[in-house]
All heavy atoms as atom14 arrays in JSON, in Angstrom:
{
  "sequence": "SLISSPRFYKRVLVVGDSFDIKLIAEALQKSDPNYFVVGYINTD",
  "atom14_mask": [
    [1, 1, 1, 1, 1, 1, 0, 0, 0, 0, 0, 0, 0, 0],
    [1, 1, 1, 1, 1, 1, 1, 1, 0, 0, 0, 0, 0, 0],
    [1, 1, 1, 1, 1, 1, 1, 1, 0, 0, 0, 0, 0, 0],
    [1, 1, 1, 1, 1, 1, 0, 0, 0, 0, 0, 0, 0, 0],
    [1, 1, 1, 1, 1, 1, 0, 0, 0, 0, 0, 0, 0, 0],
    [1, 1, 1, 1, 1, 1, 1, 0, 0, 0, 0, 0, 0, 0],
    [1, 1, 1, 1, 1, 1, 1, 1, 1, 1, 1, 0, 0, 0],
    [1, 1, 1, 1, 1, 1, 1, 1, 1, 1, 1, 0, 0, 0],
    [1, 1, 1, 1, 1, 1, 1, 1, 1, 1, 1, 1, 0, 0],
    [1, 1, 1, 1, 1, 1, 1, 1, 1, 0, 0, 0, 0, 0],
    [1, 1, 1, 1, 1, 1, 1, 1, 1, 1, 1, 0, 0, 0],
    [1, 1, 1, 1, 1, 1, 1, 0, 0, 0, 0, 0, 0, 0],
    [1, 1, 1, 1, 1, 1, 1, 1, 0, 0, 0, 0, 0, 0],
    [1, 1, 1, 1, 1, 1, 1, 0, 0, 0, 0, 0, 0, 0],
    [1, 1, 1, 1, 1, 1, 1, 0, 0, 0, 0, 0, 0, 0],
    [1, 1, 1, 1, 0, 0, 0, 0, 0, 0, 0, 0, 0, 0],
    [1, 1, 1, 1, 1, 1, 1, 1, 0, 0, 0, 0, 0, 0],
    [1, 1, 1, 1, 1, 1, 0, 0, 0, 0, 0, 0, 0, 0],
    [1, 1, 1, 1, 1, 1, 1, 1, 1, 1, 1, 0, 0, 0],
    [1, 1, 1, 1, 1, 1, 1, 1, 0, 0, 0, 0, 0, 0],
    [1, 1, 1, 1, 1, 1, 1, 1, 0, 0, 0, 0, 0, 0],
    [1, 1, 1, 1, 1, 1, 1, 1, 1, 0, 0, 0, 0, 0],
    [1, 1, 1, 1, 1, 1, 1, 1, 0, 0, 0, 0, 0, 0],
    [1, 1, 1, 1, 1, 1, 1, 1, 0, 0, 0, 0, 0, 0],
    [1, 1, 1, 1, 1, 0, 0, 0, 0, 0, 0, 0, 0, 0],
    [1, 1, 1, 1, 1, 1, 1, 1, 1, 0, 0, 0, 0, 0],
    [1, 1, 1, 1, 1, 0, 0, 0, 0, 0, 0, 0, 0, 0],
    [1, 1, 1, 1, 1, 1, 1, 1, 0, 0, 0, 0, 0, 0],
    [1, 1, 1, 1, 1, 1, 1, 1, 1, 0, 0, 0, 0, 0],
    [1, 1, 1, 1, 1, 1, 1, 1, 1, 0, 0, 0, 0, 0],
    [1, 1, 1, 1, 1, 1, 0, 0, 0, 0, 0, 0, 0, 0],
    [1, 1, 1, 1, 1, 1, 1, 1, 0, 0, 0, 0, 0, 0],
    [1, 1, 1, 1, 1, 1, 1, 0, 0, 0, 0, 0, 0, 0],
    [1, 1, 1, 1, 1, 1, 1, 1, 0, 0, 0, 0, 0, 0],
    [1, 1, 1, 1, 1, 1, 1, 1, 1, 1, 1, 1, 0, 0],
    [1, 1, 1, 1, 1, 1, 1, 1, 1, 1, 1, 0, 0, 0],
    [1, 1, 1, 1, 1, 1, 1, 0, 0, 0, 0, 0, 0, 0],
    [1, 1, 1, 1, 1, 1, 1, 0, 0, 0, 0, 0, 0, 0],
    [1, 1, 1, 1, 0, 0, 0, 0, 0, 0, 0, 0, 0, 0],
    [1, 1, 1, 1, 1, 1, 1, 1, 1, 1, 1, 1, 0, 0],
    [1, 1, 1, 1, 1, 1, 1, 1, 0, 0, 0, 0, 0, 0],
    [1, 1, 1, 1, 1, 1, 1, 1, 0, 0, 0, 0, 0, 0],
    [1, 1, 1, 1, 1, 1, 1, 0, 0, 0, 0, 0, 0, 0],
    [1, 1, 1, 1, 1, 1, 1, 1, 0, 0, 0, 0, 0, 0]
  ],
  "atom14_positions": [
    [[-9.65, 256.42, 91.9], [-10.28, 257.74, 92.06], [-11.67, 257.65, 92.67], [-12.09, 258.56, 93.41], [-10.37, 258.44, 90.69], [-9.09, 258.57, 90.11], [0.0, 0.0, 0.0], [0.0, 0.0, 0.0], [0.0, 0.0, 0.0], [0.0, 0.0, 0.0], [0.0, 0.0, 0.0], [0.0, 0.0, 0.0], [0.0, 0.0, 0.0], [0.0, 0.0, 0.0]],
    [[-12.41, 256.58, 92.39], [-13.8, 256.49, 92.81], [-14.02, 255.46, 93.92], [-14.38, 255.81, 95.03], [-14.68, 256.16, 91.6], [-14.63, 257.16, 90.44], [-15.47, 256.66, 89.27], [-15.13, 258.53, 90.89], [0.0, 0.0, 0.0], [0.0, 0.0, 0.0], [0.0, 0.0, 0.0], [0.0, 0.0, 0.0], [0.0, 0.0, 0.0], [0.0, 0.0, 0.0]],
    [[-13.78, 254.18, 93.62], [-14.1, 253.12, 94.57], [-13.24, 253.19, 95.82], [-13.69, 252.9, 96.93], [-13.93, 251.73, 93.9], [-14.74, 251.67, 92.6], [-14.36, 250.62, 94.85], [-16.21, 251.91, 92.77], [0.0, 0.0, 0.0], [0.0, 0.0, 0.0], [0.0, 0.0, 0.0], [0.0, 0.0, 0.0], [0.0, 0.0, 0.0], [0.0, 0.0, 0.0]],
    [[-11.95, 253.59, 95.66], [-11.04, 253.65, 96.82], [-11.09, 254.98, 97.53], [-10.28, 255.24, 98.43], [-9.6, 253.36, 96.37], [-9.47, 252.01, 96.01], [0.0, 0.0, 0.0], [0.0, 0.0, 0.0], [0.0, 0.0, 0.0], [0.0, 0.0, 0.0], [0.0, 0.0, 0.0], [0.0, 0.0, 0.0], [0.0, 0.0, 0.0], [0.0, 0.0, 0.0]],
    [[-12.0, 255.84, 97.17], [-12.11, 257.16, 97.81], [-12.87, 257.02, 99.13], [-13.59, 256.04, 99.35], [-12.83, 258.14, 96.88], [-14.16, 257.72, 96.67], [0.0, 0.0, 0.0], [0.0, 0.0, 0.0], [0.0, 0.0, 0.0], [0.0, 0.0, 0.0], [0.0, 0.0, 0.0], [0.0, 0.0, 0.0], [0.0, 0.0, 0.0], [0.0, 0.0, 0.0]],
    [[-12.74, 258.01, 100.02], [-13.39, 257.94, 101.33], [-14.9, 257.74, 101.28], [-15.48, 257.24, 102.25], [-13.04, 259.3, 101.96], [-11.74, 259.66, 101.32], [-11.84, 259.17, 99.91], [0.0, 0.0, 0.0], [0.0, 0.0, 0.0], [0.0, 0.0, 0.0], [0.0, 0.0, 0.0], [0.0, 0.0, 0.0], [0.0, 0.0, 0.0], [0.0, 0.0, 0.0]],
    [[-15.54, 258.11, 100.18], [-17.0, 257.97, 100.1], [-17.44, 256.5, 100.16], [-18.61, 256.21, 100.41], [-17.52, 258.63, 98.83], [-17.24, 257.88, 97.55], [-17.6, 258.68, 96.32], [-16.66, 259.78, 96.11], [-16.79, 260.67, 95.14], [-17.83, 260.62, 94.32], [-15.9, 261.63, 95.0], [0.0, 0.0, 0.0], [0.0, 0.0, 0.0], [0.0, 0.0, 0.0]],
    [[-16.51, 255.57, 99.89], [-16.84, 254.15, 99.94], [-16.18, 253.44, 101.13], [-16.18, 252.22, 101.18], [-16.41, 253.46, 98.63], [-17.25, 253.84, 97.45], [-16.76, 254.72, 96.5], [-18.52, 253.33, 97.3], [-17.53, 255.08, 95.4], [-19.3, 253.67, 96.2], [-18.82, 254.55, 95.25], [0.0, 0.0, 0.0], [0.0, 0.0, 0.0], [0.0, 0.0, 0.0]],
    [[-15.6, 254.19, 102.06], [-14.98, 253.57, 103.23], [-16.06, 252.98, 104.14], [-17.17, 253.5, 104.23], [-14.19, 254.59, 104.05], [-12.86, 254.98, 103.45], [-12.42, 254.46, 102.23], [-12.02, 255.88, 104.1], [-11.2, 254.82, 101.7], [-10.79, 256.25, 103.57], [-10.39, 255.73, 102.36], [-9.18, 256.09, 101.83], [0.0, 0.0, 0.0], [0.0, 0.0, 0.0]],
    [[-15.7, 251.9, 104.8], [-16.56, 251.41, 105.88], [-16.12, 252.14, 107.16], [-14.98, 252.04, 107.59], [-16.42, 249.9, 106.08], [-17.2, 249.4, 107.31], [-17.12, 247.9, 107.46], [-18.12, 247.23, 106.53], [-18.23, 245.78, 106.8], [0.0, 0.0, 0.0], [0.0, 0.0, 0.0], [0.0, 0.0, 0.0], [0.0, 0.0, 0.0], [0.0, 0.0, 0.0]],
    [[-17.04, 252.89, 107.77], [-16.74, 253.69, 108.95], [-17.13, 252.9, 110.19], [-18.28, 252.51, 110.35], [-17.46, 255.03, 108.87], [-17.05, 255.85, 107.64], [-17.87, 257.12, 107.51], [-17.68, 258.01, 108.63], [-16.65, 258.86, 108.74], [-15.72, 258.91, 107.8], [-16.54, 259.66, 109.78], [0.0, 0.0, 0.0], [0.0, 0.0, 0.0], [0.0, 0.0, 0.0]],
    [[-16.14, 252.67, 111.07], [-16.3, 251.72, 112.17], [-16.09, 252.39, 113.52], [-15.23, 253.27, 113.66], [-15.29, 250.55, 112.0], [-15.44, 249.55, 113.13], [-15.49, 249.88, 110.65], [0.0, 0.0, 0.0], [0.0, 0.0, 0.0], [0.0, 0.0, 0.0], [0.0, 0.0, 0.0], [0.0, 0.0, 0.0], [0.0, 0.0, 0.0], [0.0, 0.0, 0.0]],
    [[-16.87, 251.96, 114.48], [-16.7, 252.38, 115.88], [-16.29, 251.14, 116.68], [-16.97, 250.11, 116.62], [-17.99, 252.97, 116.44], [-17.96, 253.43, 117.9], [-17.04, 254.62, 118.07], [-19.37, 253.76, 118.37], [0.0, 0.0, 0.0], [0.0, 0.0, 0.0], [0.0, 0.0, 0.0], [0.0, 0.0, 0.0], [0.0, 0.0, 0.0], [0.0, 0.0, 0.0]],
    [[-15.18, 251.23, 117.42], [-14.69, 250.1, 118.21], [-15.09, 250.28, 119.67], [-14.9, 251.35, 120.25], [-13.16, 249.97, 118.1], [-12.65, 248.83, 118.98], [-12.75, 249.73, 116.65], [0.0, 0.0, 0.0], [0.0, 0.0, 0.0], [0.0, 0.0, 0.0], [0.0, 0.0, 0.0], [0.0, 0.0, 0.0], [0.0, 0.0, 0.0], [0.0, 0.0, 0.0]],
    [[-15.65, 249.23, 120.24], [-16.02, 249.21, 121.66], [-15.11, 248.21, 122.34], [-15.1, 247.02, 121.98], [-17.49, 248.82, 121.85], [-17.82, 248.71, 123.33], [-18.4, 249.82, 121.17], [0.0, 0.0, 0.0], [0.0, 0.0, 0.0], [0.0, 0.0, 0.0], [0.0, 0.0, 0.0], [0.0, 0.0, 0.0], [0.0, 0.0, 0.0], [0.0, 0.0, 0.0]],
    [[-14.3, 248.66, 123.3], [-13.36, 247.75, 123.95], [-13.16, 248.07, 125.4], [-13.42, 249.18, 125.85], [0.0, 0.0, 0.0], [0.0, 0.0, 0.0], [0.0, 0.0, 0.0], [0.0, 0.0, 0.0], [0.0, 0.0, 0.0], [0.0, 0.0, 0.0], [0.0, 0.0, 0.0], [0.0, 0.0, 0.0], [0.0, 0.0, 0.0], [0.0, 0.0, 0.0]],
    [[-12.64, 247.1, 126.15], [-12.45, 247.34, 127.58], [-11.01, 247.18, 128.05], [-10.65, 247.68, 129.09], [-13.36, 246.42, 128.41], [-13.15, 244.95, 128.08], [-12.14, 244.64, 127.42], [-13.99, 244.13, 128.47], [0.0, 0.0, 0.0], [0.0, 0.0, 0.0], [0.0, 0.0, 0.0], [0.0, 0.0, 0.0], [0.0, 0.0, 0.0], [0.0, 0.0, 0.0]],
    [[-10.17, 246.49, 127.28], [-8.8, 246.36, 127.76], [-7.82, 246.18, 126.6], [-6.72, 245.7, 126.78], [-8.68, 245.15, 128.69], [-9.03, 243.96, 128.03], [0.0, 0.0, 0.0], [0.0, 0.0, 0.0], [0.0, 0.0, 0.0], [0.0, 0.0, 0.0], [0.0, 0.0, 0.0], [0.0, 0.0, 0.0], [0.0, 0.0, 0.0], [0.0, 0.0, 0.0]],
    [[-8.25, 246.55, 125.41], [-7.39, 246.42, 124.25], [-6.81, 247.77, 123.86], [-7.37, 248.82, 124.19], [-8.19, 245.87, 123.06], [-8.6, 244.44, 123.21], [-9.82, 244.1, 123.74], [-7.74, 243.42, 122.84], [-10.21, 242.78, 123.88], [-8.1, 242.1, 122.97], [-9.34, 241.78, 123.49], [0.0, 0.0, 0.0], [0.0, 0.0, 0.0], [0.0, 0.0, 0.0]],
    [[-5.71, 247.73, 123.15], [-5.12, 248.95, 122.62], [-5.86, 249.3, 121.33], [-5.61, 248.7, 120.28], [-3.62, 248.74, 122.36], [-2.92, 250.06, 122.03], [-3.58, 250.96, 121.48], [-1.71, 250.17, 122.3], [0.0, 0.0, 0.0], [0.0, 0.0, 0.0], [0.0, 0.0, 0.0], [0.0, 0.0, 0.0], [0.0, 0.0, 0.0], [0.0, 0.0, 0.0]],
    [[-6.78, 250.24, 121.4], [-7.62, 250.59, 120.25], [-6.77, 251.07, 119.07], [-7.1, 250.84, 117.91], [-8.64, 251.68, 120.64], [-9.39, 251.28, 121.91], [-9.61, 251.91, 119.51], [-10.2, 250.02, 121.79], [0.0, 0.0, 0.0], [0.0, 0.0, 0.0], [0.0, 0.0, 0.0], [0.0, 0.0, 0.0], [0.0, 0.0, 0.0], [0.0, 0.0, 0.0]],
    [[-5.7, 251.75, 119.39], [-4.82, 252.27, 118.33], [-4.23, 251.14, 117.52], [-4.19, 251.19, 116.29], [-3.7, 253.12, 118.95], [-2.77, 253.73, 117.92], [-1.68, 254.56, 118.6], [-0.72, 255.13, 117.57], [0.36, 255.92, 118.21], [0.0, 0.0, 0.0], [0.0, 0.0, 0.0], [0.0, 0.0, 0.0], [0.0, 0.0, 0.0], [0.0, 0.0, 0.0]],
    [[-3.77, 250.08, 118.18], [-3.22, 248.93, 117.48], [-4.28, 248.22, 116.65], [-4.02, 247.74, 115.55], [-2.58, 247.95, 118.47], [-1.29, 248.41, 119.13], [-0.79, 247.34, 120.11], [-0.22, 248.69, 118.08], [0.0, 0.0, 0.0], [0.0, 0.0, 0.0], [0.0, 0.0, 0.0], [0.0, 0.0, 0.0], [0.0, 0.0, 0.0], [0.0, 0.0, 0.0]],
    [[-5.5, 248.14, 117.2], [-6.6, 247.52, 116.46], [-6.86, 248.29, 115.17], [-6.98, 247.71, 114.09], [-7.89, 247.49, 117.32], [-7.72, 246.52, 118.48], [-9.1, 247.12, 116.49], [-8.88, 246.5, 119.44], [0.0, 0.0, 0.0], [0.0, 0.0, 0.0], [0.0, 0.0, 0.0], [0.0, 0.0, 0.0], [0.0, 0.0, 0.0], [0.0, 0.0, 0.0]],
    [[-6.94, 249.63, 115.29], [-7.2, 250.46, 114.11], [-6.09, 250.32, 113.09], [-6.35, 250.2, 111.88], [-7.35, 251.92, 114.54], [0.0, 0.0, 0.0], [0.0, 0.0, 0.0], [0.0, 0.0, 0.0], [0.0, 0.0, 0.0], [0.0, 0.0, 0.0], [0.0, 0.0, 0.0], [0.0, 0.0, 0.0], [0.0, 0.0, 0.0], [0.0, 0.0, 0.0]],
    [[-4.85, 250.33, 113.53], [-3.71, 250.23, 112.6], [-3.69, 248.88, 111.89], [-3.43, 248.81, 110.68], [-2.4, 250.44, 113.36], [-2.19, 251.88, 113.82], [-0.93, 252.04, 114.65], [-0.34, 251.01, 115.05], [-0.55, 253.2, 114.91], [0.0, 0.0, 0.0], [0.0, 0.0, 0.0], [0.0, 0.0, 0.0], [0.0, 0.0, 0.0], [0.0, 0.0, 0.0]],
    [[-3.98, 247.8, 112.63], [-3.95, 246.46, 112.03], [-5.04, 246.31, 110.97], [-4.8, 245.78, 109.88], [-4.13, 245.4, 113.11], [0.0, 0.0, 0.0], [0.0, 0.0, 0.0], [0.0, 0.0, 0.0], [0.0, 0.0, 0.0], [0.0, 0.0, 0.0], [0.0, 0.0, 0.0], [0.0, 0.0, 0.0], [0.0, 0.0, 0.0], [0.0, 0.0, 0.0]],
    [[-6.24, 246.81, 111.27], [-7.35, 246.67, 110.33], [-7.17, 247.56, 109.1], [-7.39, 247.12, 107.96], [-8.68, 247.01, 111.03], [-9.08, 246.07, 112.18], [-10.36, 246.56, 112.84], [-9.26, 244.65, 111.67], [0.0, 0.0, 0.0], [0.0, 0.0, 0.0], [0.0, 0.0, 0.0], [0.0, 0.0, 0.0], [0.0, 0.0, 0.0], [0.0, 0.0, 0.0]],
    [[-6.75, 248.81, 109.31], [-6.59, 249.73, 108.19], [-5.38, 249.39, 107.33], [-5.36, 249.68, 106.13], [-6.52, 251.16, 108.7], [-7.85, 251.64, 109.26], [-7.79, 253.01, 109.93], [-8.7, 253.41, 110.62], [-6.71, 253.74, 109.72], [0.0, 0.0, 0.0], [0.0, 0.0, 0.0], [0.0, 0.0, 0.0], [0.0, 0.0, 0.0], [0.0, 0.0, 0.0]],
    [[-4.37, 248.76, 107.91], [-3.21, 248.33, 107.13], [-3.6, 247.21, 106.18], [-3.14, 247.17, 105.03], [-2.1, 247.86, 108.06], [-0.85, 247.38, 107.33], [0.21, 246.9, 108.31], [1.43, 246.36, 107.56], [2.46, 245.85, 108.51], [0.0, 0.0, 0.0], [0.0, 0.0, 0.0], [0.0, 0.0, 0.0], [0.0, 0.0, 0.0], [0.0, 0.0, 0.0]],
    [[-4.45, 246.3, 106.62], [-4.87, 245.18, 105.79], [-5.92, 245.58, 104.77], [-5.96, 245.04, 103.67], [-5.42, 244.04, 106.68], [-4.43, 243.57, 107.56], [0.0, 0.0, 0.0], [0.0, 0.0, 0.0], [0.0, 0.0, 0.0], [0.0, 0.0, 0.0], [0.0, 0.0, 0.0], [0.0, 0.0, 0.0], [0.0, 0.0, 0.0], [0.0, 0.0, 0.0]],
    [[-6.79, 246.52, 105.15], [-7.84, 246.98, 104.24], [-7.89, 248.51, 104.29], [-8.45, 249.08, 105.23], [-9.19, 246.39, 104.65], [-10.31, 246.8, 103.71], [-10.03, 247.5, 102.71], [-11.46, 246.42, 103.96], [0.0, 0.0, 0.0], [0.0, 0.0, 0.0], [0.0, 0.0, 0.0], [0.0, 0.0, 0.0], [0.0, 0.0, 0.0], [0.0, 0.0, 0.0]],
    [[-7.32, 249.18, 103.27], [-7.29, 250.65, 103.27], [-8.67, 251.29, 103.32], [-8.8, 252.45, 103.71], [-6.58, 250.98, 101.94], [-5.8, 249.75, 101.61], [-6.63, 248.61, 102.11], [0.0, 0.0, 0.0], [0.0, 0.0, 0.0], [0.0, 0.0, 0.0], [0.0, 0.0, 0.0], [0.0, 0.0, 0.0], [0.0, 0.0, 0.0], [0.0, 0.0, 0.0]],
    [[-9.71, 250.55, 102.92], [-11.06, 251.11, 102.92], [-11.82, 250.85, 104.21], [-13.0, 251.13, 104.31], [-11.86, 250.52, 101.75], [-11.42, 251.09, 100.41], [-10.3, 251.55, 100.26], [-12.29, 251.06, 99.43], [0.0, 0.0, 0.0], [0.0, 0.0, 0.0], [0.0, 0.0, 0.0], [0.0, 0.0, 0.0], [0.0, 0.0, 0.0], [0.0, 0.0, 0.0]],
    [[-11.12, 250.3, 105.2], [-11.74, 250.03, 106.49], [-11.26, 251.12, 107.45], [-10.12, 251.11, 107.89], [-11.31, 248.64, 106.98], [-12.17, 248.06, 108.08], [-13.23, 247.22, 107.76], [-11.92, 248.35, 109.4], [-14.02, 246.68, 108.76], [-12.7, 247.81, 110.41], [-13.75, 246.97, 110.07], [-14.55, 246.44, 111.07], [0.0, 0.0, 0.0], [0.0, 0.0, 0.0]],
    [[-12.13, 252.06, 107.76], [-11.73, 253.26, 108.49], [-12.32, 253.26, 109.9], [-13.54, 253.31, 110.09], [-12.19, 254.51, 107.74], [-11.79, 255.8, 108.39], [-10.45, 256.15, 108.49], [-12.74, 256.66, 108.91], [-10.07, 257.35, 109.1], [-12.38, 257.84, 109.51], [-11.04, 258.19, 109.62], [0.0, 0.0, 0.0], [0.0, 0.0, 0.0], [0.0, 0.0, 0.0]],
    [[-11.45, 253.17, 110.9], [-11.88, 253.22, 112.29], [-12.01, 254.69, 112.7], [-11.02, 255.41, 112.78], [-10.89, 252.49, 113.22], [-11.34, 252.61, 114.67], [-10.77, 251.02, 112.82], [0.0, 0.0, 0.0], [0.0, 0.0, 0.0], [0.0, 0.0, 0.0], [0.0, 0.0, 0.0], [0.0, 0.0, 0.0], [0.0, 0.0, 0.0], [0.0, 0.0, 0.0]],
    [[-13.24, 255.12, 112.94], [-13.52, 256.52, 113.26], [-13.15, 256.84, 114.7], [-12.5, 257.84, 114.99], [-15.0, 256.85, 113.01], [-15.31, 258.29, 113.42], [-15.34, 256.63, 111.54], [0.0, 0.0, 0.0], [0.0, 0.0, 0.0], [0.0, 0.0, 0.0], [0.0, 0.0, 0.0], [0.0, 0.0, 0.0], [0.0, 0.0, 0.0], [0.0, 0.0, 0.0]],
    [[-13.56, 255.98, 115.62], [-13.33, 256.26, 117.03], [-13.58, 255.04, 117.89], [-13.72, 253.92, 117.39], [0.0, 0.0, 0.0], [0.0, 0.0, 0.0], [0.0, 0.0, 0.0], [0.0, 0.0, 0.0], [0.0, 0.0, 0.0], [0.0, 0.0, 0.0], [0.0, 0.0, 0.0], [0.0, 0.0, 0.0], [0.0, 0.0, 0.0], [0.0, 0.0, 0.0]],
    [[-13.66, 255.25, 119.19], [-13.76, 254.13, 120.12], [-14.52, 254.54, 121.37], [-14.66, 255.73, 121.69], [-12.36, 253.64, 120.52], [-11.59, 254.66, 121.34], [-11.56, 254.6, 122.72], [-10.93, 255.72, 120.71], [-10.89, 255.55, 123.48], [-10.25, 256.66, 121.45], [-10.23, 256.57, 122.82], [-9.57, 257.52, 123.57], [0.0, 0.0, 0.0], [0.0, 0.0, 0.0]],
    [[-15.03, 253.53, 122.05], [-15.6, 253.7, 123.38], [-14.83, 252.77, 124.31], [-14.84, 251.55, 124.13], [-17.1, 253.34, 123.42], [-17.9, 254.34, 122.58], [-17.62, 253.32, 124.86], [-19.39, 254.04, 122.52], [0.0, 0.0, 0.0], [0.0, 0.0, 0.0], [0.0, 0.0, 0.0], [0.0, 0.0, 0.0], [0.0, 0.0, 0.0], [0.0, 0.0, 0.0]],
    [[-14.14, 253.34, 125.28], [-13.37, 252.55, 126.23], [-14.26, 252.21, 127.43], [-14.66, 253.1, 128.18], [-12.13, 253.32, 126.68], [-11.29, 252.54, 127.66], [-11.41, 251.33, 127.77], [-10.44, 253.25, 128.39], [0.0, 0.0, 0.0], [0.0, 0.0, 0.0], [0.0, 0.0, 0.0], [0.0, 0.0, 0.0], [0.0, 0.0, 0.0], [0.0, 0.0, 0.0]],
    [[-14.59, 250.94, 127.59], [-15.51, 250.53, 128.65], [-14.81, 250.17, 129.95], [-15.46, 249.85, 130.93], [-16.34, 249.32, 128.18], [-15.46, 248.23, 127.9], [-17.13, 249.67, 126.94], [0.0, 0.0, 0.0], [0.0, 0.0, 0.0], [0.0, 0.0, 0.0], [0.0, 0.0, 0.0], [0.0, 0.0, 0.0], [0.0, 0.0, 0.0], [0.0, 0.0, 0.0]],
    [[-13.46, 250.18, 129.92], [-12.7, 249.86, 131.12], [-12.08, 251.16, 131.65], [-11.08, 251.63, 131.14], [-11.61, 248.84, 130.8], [-10.91, 248.35, 132.07], [-11.2, 248.89, 133.15], [-10.07, 247.44, 131.96], [0.0, 0.0, 0.0], [0.0, 0.0, 0.0], [0.0, 0.0, 0.0], [0.0, 0.0, 0.0], [0.0, 0.0, 0.0], [0.0, 0.0, 0.0]]
  ]
}
């Protein structure tokens, strides 16, 4: 109820140039539910 709630998520911004950001977000959040990828900057 408390520690696993969104208030304790790590909010992340991904900067990439040729990677599939969606796959990166899914892989990280699947392994750690409290690791939340907010968005991305595509440099390519």
